Amino acid sequence: MKVVTIATDLENTFLRRLLVPSCHAFGMDLVVLNPKTSPFGLADKRAALAGYLSTVRDSDELVLFTDGYDALFIRDERHIMAAYASFSEPVVFSAEVNPWPLGIVGLALHDGPPVGRFPYLNSGGFIGPARMLHALITRYPEPPTGRFELLRQLRAHGYDTDRRFGWSDQYHWTLVRLLERETTGVDHDARLFECYAPPVPDVNFREIMREVEDFRARGRESDSYQRERTRLAERLQVPSGAAHIHFASPVTKAVAEDLLHEGQLPGWLIGHLSTAMPPAQVLPV
């Protein structure tokens, strides 16, 4: 099994102090794809990943993709393989509590009630055989918006989801997953992936971005930071049963980094990490 991430900033704190050491602690091979093109958008992740997957010699080798700047591992490959084997689908995505970034439109795209603790796809972590991941990426080079009647009707009324959310890799993979239900699964009960994004019952893109902008403007004095610090500290009191932990959202990541610097992240999360920076395989793309 290979663990793959994409990083334009090799000095990122989360990458250096959490993701890379966690892979090293559990003896997992980490490949860091380092794009040289600028600017590098979220949608470019798929092209970079496809390029790497085309070079994997054993097309059946499992590849676990992870975000690089807000994730780490707390369990080893044996746990990952056992959790992966419990799914019937060959490609499995992480999940979260919010239909980000589509909001209420995302709710309408699902043809049934919410499933499990984490009902909606999160693209910060996914796993599958190299050939199947490569096939999915090449089969859907663009969001398959035209395959959804609801999205076609919204576009006819001036609400173009590609224009609003096309920058989001998660938007793309959500649509692909809804079309590829036999091929792709979602880890609704955090057997393998657990996402620590804050719950937002009524997902409203502008409201969420207003909170993010408030944090960027006022930093640790912002209300959004204070709320998230309280929430995350409480949630971290209960250890996760997953292998991959994802601190999605800019505010959640900032809180996690502050807790790291202050020595307040719990032992179950980072007790296995070394303070030394181990090496990682870096591939320019």
Protein backbone atom coordinates (compact mmCIF):
# COMPACT_ATOMS: atom_id res chain seq x y z
CA MET A 1 0.00 0.00 0.00
CA LYS A 2 1.14 3.51 -0.80
CA VAL A 3 0.04 6.71 0.94
CA VAL A 4 0.00 9.67 -1.46
CA THR A 5 -0.45 13.36 -0.81
CA ILE A 6 0.05 16.58 -2.77
CA ALA A 7 1.97 19.51 -1.32
CA THR A 8 3.18 22.74 -2.88
CA ASP A 9 4.62 23.86 0.49
CA LEU A 10 7.02 21.22 1.80
CA GLU A 11 7.58 23.27 4.96
CA ASN A 12 3.91 23.25 6.00
CA THR A 13 3.64 22.66 9.75
CA PHE A 14 0.96 19.98 9.55
CA LEU A 15 2.80 18.13 6.81
CA ARG A 16 6.17 18.20 8.59
CA ARG A 17 5.07 17.66 12.18
CA LEU A 18 2.00 15.44 11.83
CA LEU A 19 1.41 13.71 8.50
CA VAL A 20 4.98 12.73 7.60
CA PRO A 21 5.92 11.58 11.13
CA SER A 22 2.69 9.61 11.49
CA CYS A 23 3.37 7.66 8.28
CA HIS A 24 6.93 7.04 9.45
CA ALA A 25 5.76 5.87 12.88
CA PHE A 26 3.59 3.16 11.33
CA GLY A 27 6.05 2.17 8.61
CA MET A 28 3.87 3.35 5.74
CA ASP A 29 5.34 4.48 2.42
CA LEU A 30 4.45 8.14 1.86
CA VAL A 31 4.77 9.73 -1.56
CA VAL A 32 4.58 13.54 -1.65
CA LEU A 33 3.67 14.91 -5.07
CA ASN A 34 5.20 18.37 -5.35
CA PRO A 35 3.63 20.43 -8.18
CA LYS A 36 5.88 22.95 -9.88
CA THR A 37 3.13 24.81 -11.71
CA SER A 38 1.65 27.97 -10.23
CA PRO A 39 -1.05 28.73 -9.36
CA PHE A 40 -2.14 25.23 -8.34
CA GLY A 41 -5.88 24.79 -7.80
CA LEU A 42 -7.78 22.10 -5.97
CA ALA A 43 -9.03 20.68 -9.27
CA ASP A 44 -5.39 20.21 -10.34
CA LYS A 45 -5.04 17.57 -7.64
CA ARG A 46 -6.83 15.04 -9.82
CA ALA A 47 -4.49 15.57 -12.77
CA ALA A 48 -1.41 15.30 -10.56
CA LEU A 49 -2.74 12.16 -8.91
CA ALA A 50 -3.67 10.60 -12.27
CA GLY A 51 -0.14 11.23 -13.52
CA TYR A 52 1.32 9.43 -10.53
CA LEU A 53 -1.15 6.53 -10.70
CA SER A 54 -0.19 5.90 -14.32
CA THR A 55 3.36 5.16 -13.13
CA VAL A 56 2.45 2.62 -10.41
CA ARG A 57 3.89 -0.70 -11.58
CA ASP A 58 1.36 -2.93 -9.83
CA SER A 59 -2.00 -1.59 -10.97
CA ASP A 60 -3.75 -3.52 -8.19
CA GLU A 61 -1.67 -1.93 -5.43
CA LEU A 62 -3.78 -0.03 -2.93
CA VAL A 63 -3.25 3.73 -2.92
CA LEU A 64 -4.56 5.84 -0.05
CA PHE A 65 -4.78 9.51 -0.93
CA THR A 66 -4.78 12.05 1.88
CA ASP A 67 -4.86 15.82 2.16
CA GLY A 68 -1.40 17.03 3.15
CA TYR A 69 -2.01 20.06 5.35
CA ASP A 70 -4.67 18.90 7.82
CA ALA A 71 -4.50 15.12 8.26
CA LEU A 72 -2.49 12.39 9.98
CA PHE A 73 -2.59 8.68 10.79
CA ILE A 74 -3.12 7.14 14.21
CA ARG A 75 -3.14 3.45 13.23
CA ASP A 76 -1.11 1.19 10.97
CA GLU A 77 -1.55 -0.49 7.62
CA ARG A 78 -3.00 -3.65 9.17
CA HIS A 79 -5.88 -1.62 10.63
CA ILE A 80 -6.36 0.16 7.31
CA MET A 81 -6.46 -3.10 5.36
CA ALA A 82 -8.96 -4.68 7.78
CA ALA A 83 -11.24 -1.63 7.63
CA TYR A 84 -10.97 -1.46 3.84
CA ALA A 85 -11.87 -5.14 3.53
CA SER A 86 -15.17 -4.48 5.33
CA PHE A 87 -16.46 -2.46 2.36
CA SER A 88 -18.00 -4.07 -0.71
CA GLU A 89 -16.92 -1.20 -2.99
CA PRO A 90 -13.31 -1.13 -4.28
CA VAL A 91 -12.93 2.66 -3.81
CA VAL A 92 -13.81 4.16 -0.42
CA PHE A 93 -14.04 7.86 0.46
CA SER A 94 -13.93 9.58 3.80
CA ALA A 95 -17.18 11.15 5.02
CA GLU A 96 -18.38 14.16 6.98
CA VAL A 97 -21.53 15.57 8.56
CA ASN A 98 -22.01 18.41 6.04
CA PRO A 99 -22.97 18.28 2.33
CA TRP A 100 -20.10 20.66 1.52
CA PRO A 101 -19.99 22.74 -0.62
CA LEU A 102 -23.40 22.14 -2.24
CA GLY A 103 -25.44 22.69 0.90
CA ILE A 104 -29.17 22.14 0.44
CA VAL A 105 -28.63 21.24 -3.22
CA GLY A 106 -26.42 18.40 -2.05
CA LEU A 107 -29.21 17.14 0.18
CA ALA A 108 -31.59 17.08 -2.77
CA LEU A 109 -29.15 15.06 -4.89
CA HIS A 110 -29.25 12.16 -2.43
CA ASP A 111 -32.21 9.89 -3.03
CA GLY A 112 -32.65 8.70 0.55
CA PRO A 113 -32.30 9.75 4.19
CA PRO A 114 -28.88 10.38 5.77
CA VAL A 115 -26.80 7.26 6.41
CA GLY A 116 -24.56 6.67 9.43
CA ARG A 117 -22.74 9.15 11.64
CA PHE A 118 -21.18 10.88 8.62
CA PRO A 119 -23.70 10.98 5.75
CA TYR A 120 -21.77 12.91 3.07
CA LEU A 121 -18.60 12.34 1.09
CA ASN A 122 -15.39 14.07 2.11
CA SER A 123 -12.55 14.10 -0.41
CA GLY A 124 -9.75 14.60 2.13
CA GLY A 125 -9.07 10.86 2.18
CA PHE A 126 -9.86 7.96 -0.13
CA ILE A 127 -8.44 4.54 -0.95
CA GLY A 128 -8.59 2.07 -3.81
CA PRO A 129 -6.52 0.07 -6.31
CA ALA A 130 -4.31 2.31 -8.43
CA ARG A 131 -5.98 1.24 -11.69
CA MET A 132 -9.49 1.95 -10.40
CA LEU A 133 -8.59 5.38 -9.04
CA HIS A 134 -6.89 6.20 -12.32
CA ALA A 135 -9.95 5.00 -14.27
CA LEU A 136 -12.32 7.17 -12.22
CA ILE A 137 -10.18 10.27 -12.69
CA THR A 138 -9.80 9.77 -16.44
CA ARG A 139 -13.49 8.83 -16.91
CA TYR A 140 -14.58 12.09 -15.30
CA PRO A 141 -12.12 14.84 -16.29
CA GLU A 142 -14.83 17.41 -15.53
CA PRO A 143 -17.71 17.40 -13.02
CA PRO A 144 -20.49 15.24 -14.56
CA THR A 145 -23.06 17.96 -13.95
CA GLY A 146 -25.09 17.17 -17.06
CA ARG A 147 -25.98 13.74 -15.70
CA PHE A 148 -28.17 15.27 -12.98
CA GLU A 149 -31.61 16.59 -13.90
CA LEU A 150 -31.75 18.79 -10.81
CA LEU A 151 -28.49 20.53 -11.69
CA ARG A 152 -29.62 21.02 -15.29
CA GLN A 153 -32.84 22.65 -14.08
CA LEU A 154 -30.96 24.89 -11.66
CA ARG A 155 -28.62 26.00 -14.43
CA ALA A 156 -31.60 26.86 -16.64
CA HIS A 157 -32.75 29.20 -13.86
CA GLY A 158 -29.35 30.86 -13.54
CA TYR A 159 -27.93 28.78 -10.68
CA ASP A 160 -24.85 27.19 -12.27
CA THR A 161 -23.27 24.80 -9.77
CA ASP A 162 -20.13 24.39 -11.91
CA ARG A 163 -19.58 28.14 -11.82
CA ARG A 164 -20.22 28.29 -8.07
CA PHE A 165 -18.44 25.13 -6.94
CA GLY A 166 -16.28 23.93 -9.83
CA TRP A 167 -13.16 24.95 -7.88
CA SER A 168 -13.97 22.29 -5.25
CA ASP A 169 -12.51 18.82 -5.58
CA GLN A 170 -15.15 17.63 -3.14
CA TYR A 171 -17.94 18.89 -5.41
CA HIS A 172 -16.44 16.89 -8.27
CA TRP A 173 -16.07 13.66 -6.30
CA THR A 174 -19.55 13.97 -4.76
CA LEU A 175 -21.11 13.93 -8.22
CA VAL A 176 -18.90 11.05 -9.34
CA ARG A 177 -19.78 9.02 -6.25
CA LEU A 178 -23.53 9.51 -6.85
CA LEU A 179 -23.08 8.05 -10.35
CA GLU A 180 -20.68 5.26 -9.34
CA ARG A 181 -22.43 3.68 -6.38
CA GLU A 182 -21.27 0.15 -7.15
CA THR A 183 -17.65 1.24 -7.52
CA THR A 184 -17.34 3.86 -4.79
CA GLY A 185 -18.28 3.66 -1.13
CA VAL A 186 -18.38 6.20 1.70
CA ASP A 187 -17.06 5.55 5.20
CA HIS A 188 -20.24 6.65 6.97
CA ASP A 189 -19.22 5.20 10.36
CA ALA A 190 -15.53 6.27 10.46
CA ARG A 191 -14.10 2.76 10.33
CA LEU A 192 -11.11 4.00 8.35
CA PHE A 193 -11.41 7.80 7.99
CA GLU A 194 -12.72 10.27 10.57
CA CYS A 195 -13.34 13.90 9.65
CA TYR A 196 -13.31 16.47 12.44
CA ALA A 197 -15.01 19.28 10.53
CA PRO A 198 -17.53 21.25 12.62
CA PRO A 199 -21.18 20.36 12.04
CA VAL A 200 -23.13 22.99 10.12
CA PRO A 201 -26.79 21.86 10.06
CA ASP A 202 -27.88 24.37 7.41
CA VAL A 203 -24.88 24.55 5.13
CA ASN A 204 -24.75 27.98 3.58
CA PHE A 205 -21.62 28.67 1.55
CA ARG A 206 -21.62 32.42 2.15
CA GLU A 207 -22.22 32.07 5.88
CA ILE A 208 -19.38 29.57 6.26
CA MET A 209 -17.02 31.73 4.24
CA ARG A 210 -18.02 34.74 6.36
CA GLU A 211 -16.84 32.82 9.43
CA VAL A 212 -13.60 31.89 7.68
CA GLU A 213 -13.02 35.51 6.66
CA ASP A 214 -13.74 36.61 10.23
CA PHE A 215 -11.05 34.21 11.44
CA ARG A 216 -8.56 35.41 8.82
CA ALA A 217 -9.21 39.01 9.80
CA ARG A 218 -9.31 38.65 13.60
CA GLY A 219 -7.41 35.42 14.16
CA ARG A 220 -7.67 33.93 17.61
CA GLU A 221 -9.87 36.79 18.76
CA SER A 222 -12.63 35.82 16.33
CA ASP A 223 -15.81 34.23 17.54
CA SER A 224 -15.43 31.40 15.02
CA TYR A 225 -12.02 30.45 16.43
CA GLN A 226 -13.21 30.53 20.04
CA ARG A 227 -16.25 28.36 19.25
CA GLU A 228 -14.18 25.84 17.33
CA ARG A 229 -11.50 25.66 20.00
CA THR A 230 -14.12 24.77 22.62
CA ARG A 231 -15.82 22.23 20.34
CA LEU A 232 -12.63 20.52 19.19
CA ALA A 233 -11.09 20.29 22.65
CA GLU A 234 -14.24 18.55 23.87
CA ARG A 235 -14.41 16.18 20.94
CA LEU A 236 -10.76 15.18 21.26
CA GLN A 237 -11.45 13.82 24.73
CA VAL A 238 -12.89 10.72 23.05
CA PRO A 239 -10.32 8.67 21.05
CA SER A 240 -11.14 7.84 17.46
CA GLY A 241 -11.43 4.27 16.22
CA ALA A 242 -10.33 5.24 12.70
CA ALA A 243 -6.84 5.20 11.19
CA HIS A 244 -6.90 8.55 9.36
CA ILE A 245 -7.84 11.81 11.10
CA HIS A 246 -8.77 14.88 9.08
CA PHE A 247 -9.09 18.36 10.58
CA ALA A 248 -11.12 19.80 7.72
CA SER A 249 -11.92 23.54 7.56
CA PRO A 250 -9.37 26.34 7.99
CA VAL A 251 -10.53 27.18 11.51
CA THR A 252 -10.42 23.56 12.72
CA LYS A 253 -6.93 23.15 11.30
CA ALA A 254 -5.75 26.36 12.99
CA VAL A 255 -7.10 25.18 16.34
CA ALA A 256 -5.39 21.80 15.92
CA GLU A 257 -2.08 23.48 15.09
CA ASP A 258 -2.36 25.73 18.14
CA LEU A 259 -3.11 22.75 20.37
CA LEU A 260 -0.05 21.02 18.89
CA HIS A 261 2.21 24.01 19.60
CA GLU A 262 0.80 24.27 23.13
CA GLY A 263 1.31 20.58 23.82
CA GLN A 264 -2.42 20.02 24.33
CA LEU A 265 -3.19 17.45 21.64
CA PRO A 266 -4.09 14.19 23.41
CA GLY A 267 -1.74 11.23 23.58
CA TRP A 268 -4.06 8.95 21.62
CA LEU A 269 -3.64 11.33 18.68
CA ILE A 270 0.10 12.07 18.69
CA GLY A 271 1.63 9.77 21.32
CA HIS A 272 3.20 7.66 18.58
CA LEU A 273 4.96 10.57 16.85
CA SER A 274 8.66 11.34 16.94
CA THR A 275 9.83 14.94 17.27
CA ALA A 276 12.38 14.34 14.50
CA MET A 277 11.41 15.04 10.90
CA PRO A 278 11.68 11.71 9.03
CA PRO A 279 12.30 11.64 5.28
CA ALA A 280 9.53 11.27 2.70
CA GLN A 281 9.65 10.47 -0.99
CA VAL A 282 9.07 13.74 -2.86
CA LEU A 283 8.19 13.57 -6.54
CA PRO A 284 8.03 16.75 -8.67
CA VAL A 285 4.92 16.78 -10.87
